[in-house]
Amino acid sequence: MPRETISVTHLTNINDLKNELNWKDFKIKTPNNSFLTYKNFELVAVGYPNQEQERWDMVIKDTRYNTQEDLIYALVVAGKLLKIGKSITTMKKRIQSYHCGKQAYREKPNATNSATNWFILQSVLSIAMPVEIYVLYIPQTEGEFMGWKYHNRISKEIEGKIIKAFADQYHFKPIGNKQN
């Protein structure tokens, strides 16, 4: 029997989140001995499950949802932390990527959509409760090299450090961060 992983199963009801961290309990120690908590994140949008269109209907709470790039985000359902992630693009574009986790796309031969996108979208649709999207805005840096201007995208590095600190603190990762 093949081993079931995040890529072949998804959450089916709210009880599947019972062992996940309460968002308001999120608190990890940082290298400078301060703490990163849920209070450092800003609620930027709420996605309401729309099973008919297999997507989330978004209510935007902060206009930076559409414009700010390079960020860390948390997906929270019923007060439980589902996933910590990063986006080098805007949150709007990241949510559009989650909407590519449709079942029909997954069933196509040689399907290339992300297992994580499928897992997150299908889980939220099955749980049938709103997903709150919180964002931690990372300071952006710019530079110039031989006349070329560039922007450093550090969200991937910071995301990895946050997830490691989370795992060290709580001895597990959020269920949406267990992709294979």
Protein backbone atom coordinates (compact mmCIF):
# COMPACT_ATOMS: atom_id res chain seq x y z
CA MET A 1 0.00 0.00 0.00
CA PRO A 2 1.51 3.38 -0.96
CA ARG A 3 2.28 5.76 1.85
CA GLU A 4 -0.21 8.63 2.06
CA THR A 5 1.41 12.04 1.98
CA ILE A 6 0.32 15.61 1.64
CA SER A 7 0.41 15.14 -2.12
CA VAL A 8 -2.38 12.52 -2.16
CA THR A 9 -4.61 13.51 0.76
CA HIS A 10 -6.00 16.75 2.11
CA LEU A 11 -7.83 17.81 5.25
CA THR A 12 -11.53 17.03 5.20
CA ASN A 13 -13.01 18.76 8.26
CA ILE A 14 -12.19 21.15 11.07
CA ASN A 15 -11.18 18.28 13.39
CA ASP A 16 -8.15 17.71 11.15
CA LEU A 17 -6.76 20.97 12.56
CA LYS A 18 -7.31 20.13 16.24
CA ASN A 19 -3.60 19.45 16.90
CA GLU A 20 -2.38 22.55 15.07
CA LEU A 21 -1.13 25.62 16.89
CA ASN A 22 -3.62 28.30 17.87
CA TRP A 23 -2.63 31.36 15.87
CA LYS A 24 -2.75 33.57 18.95
CA ASP A 25 -0.20 31.25 20.61
CA PHE A 26 2.33 31.72 17.79
CA LYS A 27 5.51 33.01 19.40
CA ILE A 28 9.05 32.15 18.38
CA LYS A 29 12.31 33.48 19.73
CA THR A 30 14.51 35.33 17.27
CA PRO A 31 18.34 35.41 17.23
CA ASN A 32 18.39 38.85 18.87
CA ASN A 33 16.37 37.46 21.83
CA SER A 34 13.14 39.20 20.86
CA PHE A 35 10.02 37.36 19.79
CA LEU A 36 8.12 37.06 16.53
CA THR A 37 4.42 36.66 17.34
CA TYR A 38 1.11 36.76 15.56
CA LYS A 39 1.01 40.47 16.43
CA ASN A 40 3.84 41.13 13.95
CA PHE A 41 1.60 39.93 11.11
CA GLU A 42 -1.19 41.99 9.54
CA LEU A 43 -4.53 40.62 8.38
CA VAL A 44 -4.61 41.50 4.67
CA ALA A 45 -7.44 39.34 3.33
CA VAL A 46 -10.02 36.71 4.11
CA GLY A 47 -10.84 33.97 1.62
CA TYR A 48 -14.32 32.49 1.72
CA PRO A 49 -14.57 28.96 0.30
CA ASN A 50 -16.50 28.80 -2.95
CA GLN A 51 -16.95 25.09 -3.70
CA GLU A 52 -18.92 25.75 -6.88
CA GLN A 53 -16.02 27.63 -8.51
CA GLU A 54 -13.36 25.70 -6.54
CA ARG A 55 -11.67 28.83 -5.23
CA TRP A 56 -11.74 31.34 -2.40
CA ASP A 57 -13.76 34.53 -2.79
CA MET A 58 -11.41 37.17 -1.42
CA VAL A 59 -12.26 40.12 0.79
CA ILE A 60 -9.23 42.43 0.78
CA LYS A 61 -8.47 44.18 4.07
CA ASP A 62 -5.21 45.92 3.08
CA THR A 63 -4.38 47.31 -0.38
CA ARG A 64 -0.80 46.03 -0.09
CA TYR A 65 -2.34 42.61 -0.80
CA ASN A 66 -2.32 43.71 -4.46
CA THR A 67 1.00 45.56 -4.56
CA GLN A 68 3.59 44.52 -1.96
CA GLU A 69 6.07 41.86 -3.06
CA ASP A 70 8.51 39.69 -1.10
CA LEU A 71 6.65 38.76 2.07
CA ILE A 72 5.99 36.05 4.61
CA TYR A 73 2.40 34.95 5.17
CA ALA A 74 0.35 32.78 7.48
CA LEU A 75 -2.87 31.00 6.55
CA VAL A 76 -5.22 30.62 9.51
CA VAL A 77 -8.48 28.65 9.61
CA ALA A 78 -10.77 28.74 12.64
CA GLY A 79 -7.95 30.25 14.70
CA LYS A 80 -5.52 27.43 13.80
CA LEU A 81 -2.27 27.98 11.91
CA LEU A 82 -2.50 26.03 8.66
CA LYS A 83 0.64 27.23 6.88
CA ILE A 84 3.54 29.66 7.01
CA GLY A 85 4.80 30.56 3.57
CA LYS A 86 6.56 33.14 1.47
CA SER A 87 5.87 34.91 -1.74
CA ILE A 88 8.34 36.82 -3.87
CA THR A 89 5.33 38.21 -5.72
CA THR A 90 2.23 39.86 -4.24
CA MET A 91 -0.19 38.04 -1.96
CA LYS A 92 -2.79 38.40 -4.71
CA LYS A 93 -0.57 36.42 -7.10
CA ARG A 94 0.20 33.83 -4.41
CA ILE A 95 -3.51 33.25 -3.79
CA GLN A 96 -4.03 32.94 -7.56
CA SER A 97 -1.40 30.20 -7.44
CA TYR A 98 -3.35 28.40 -4.71
CA HIS A 99 -6.38 28.57 -7.01
CA CYS A 100 -4.43 26.40 -9.46
CA GLY A 101 -4.87 23.55 -6.96
CA LYS A 102 -8.12 22.49 -8.60
CA GLN A 103 -8.99 18.80 -8.60
CA ALA A 104 -9.47 18.68 -12.38
CA TYR A 105 -5.97 20.08 -12.91
CA ARG A 106 -4.57 17.44 -10.58
CA GLU A 107 -6.22 14.61 -12.50
CA LYS A 108 -4.75 15.56 -15.89
CA PRO A 109 -2.00 13.33 -17.27
CA ASN A 110 1.39 14.82 -16.42
CA ALA A 111 -0.24 17.33 -14.07
CA THR A 112 2.29 19.93 -12.99
CA ASN A 113 0.32 21.88 -10.42
CA SER A 114 1.88 22.04 -6.99
CA ALA A 115 0.94 19.43 -4.39
CA THR A 116 0.98 22.22 -1.83
CA ASN A 117 -1.46 24.38 -3.83
CA TRP A 118 -3.79 21.40 -4.20
CA PHE A 119 -3.50 20.45 -0.51
CA ILE A 120 -4.20 23.97 0.76
CA LEU A 121 -7.04 24.81 -1.64
CA GLN A 122 -8.82 21.47 -1.27
CA SER A 123 -8.38 21.46 2.52
CA VAL A 124 -9.93 24.91 2.93
CA LEU A 125 -12.76 24.02 0.56
CA SER A 126 -13.47 20.78 2.47
CA ILE A 127 -13.30 22.42 5.89
CA ALA A 128 -15.67 25.07 4.46
CA MET A 129 -14.54 27.85 6.78
CA PRO A 130 -12.88 31.16 5.85
CA VAL A 131 -9.10 31.31 5.58
CA GLU A 132 -7.51 34.40 7.07
CA ILE A 133 -4.36 35.63 5.36
CA TYR A 134 -1.83 37.39 7.56
CA VAL A 135 1.32 38.98 6.20
CA LEU A 136 4.69 39.85 7.69
CA TYR A 137 6.19 42.53 5.50
CA ILE A 138 9.94 42.12 5.02
CA PRO A 139 12.05 45.26 4.51
CA GLN A 140 13.05 45.36 0.87
CA THR A 141 16.56 46.18 -0.20
CA GLU A 142 17.81 47.59 -3.45
CA GLY A 143 21.25 47.87 -4.87
CA GLU A 144 23.23 48.47 -7.99
CA PHE A 145 25.91 46.40 -9.65
CA MET A 146 27.80 47.85 -12.59
CA GLY A 147 24.80 50.00 -13.46
CA TRP A 148 22.20 47.25 -13.08
CA LYS A 149 19.66 47.94 -10.39
CA TYR A 150 18.40 44.97 -8.41
CA HIS A 151 16.08 44.10 -5.56
CA ASN A 152 17.10 41.49 -3.01
CA ARG A 153 14.33 38.97 -2.41
CA ILE A 154 14.94 37.68 1.09
CA SER A 155 11.54 36.17 1.90
CA LYS A 156 12.71 32.63 1.05
CA GLU A 157 15.62 32.83 3.49
CA ILE A 158 13.49 34.41 6.23
CA GLU A 159 10.70 31.85 5.69
CA GLY A 160 13.18 29.02 6.19
CA LYS A 161 14.47 30.58 9.41
CA ILE A 162 10.94 31.11 10.75
CA ILE A 163 9.89 27.53 9.98
CA LYS A 164 13.07 26.14 11.57
CA ALA A 165 12.52 28.28 14.69
CA PHE A 166 8.87 27.15 14.75
CA ALA A 167 9.86 23.47 14.52
CA ASP A 168 12.53 23.93 17.21
CA GLN A 169 10.01 25.66 19.47
CA TYR A 170 6.97 23.43 18.95
CA HIS A 171 8.61 20.17 17.74
CA PHE A 172 6.44 20.02 14.61
CA LYS A 173 5.69 22.10 11.51
CA PRO A 174 2.27 23.48 10.57
CA ILE A 175 0.40 20.82 8.63
CA GLY A 176 0.49 22.94 5.44
CA ASN A 177 4.29 22.99 5.61
CA LYS A 178 4.73 19.22 5.37
CA GLN A 179 4.80 18.92 1.59
CA ASN A 180 7.04 16.25 0.13
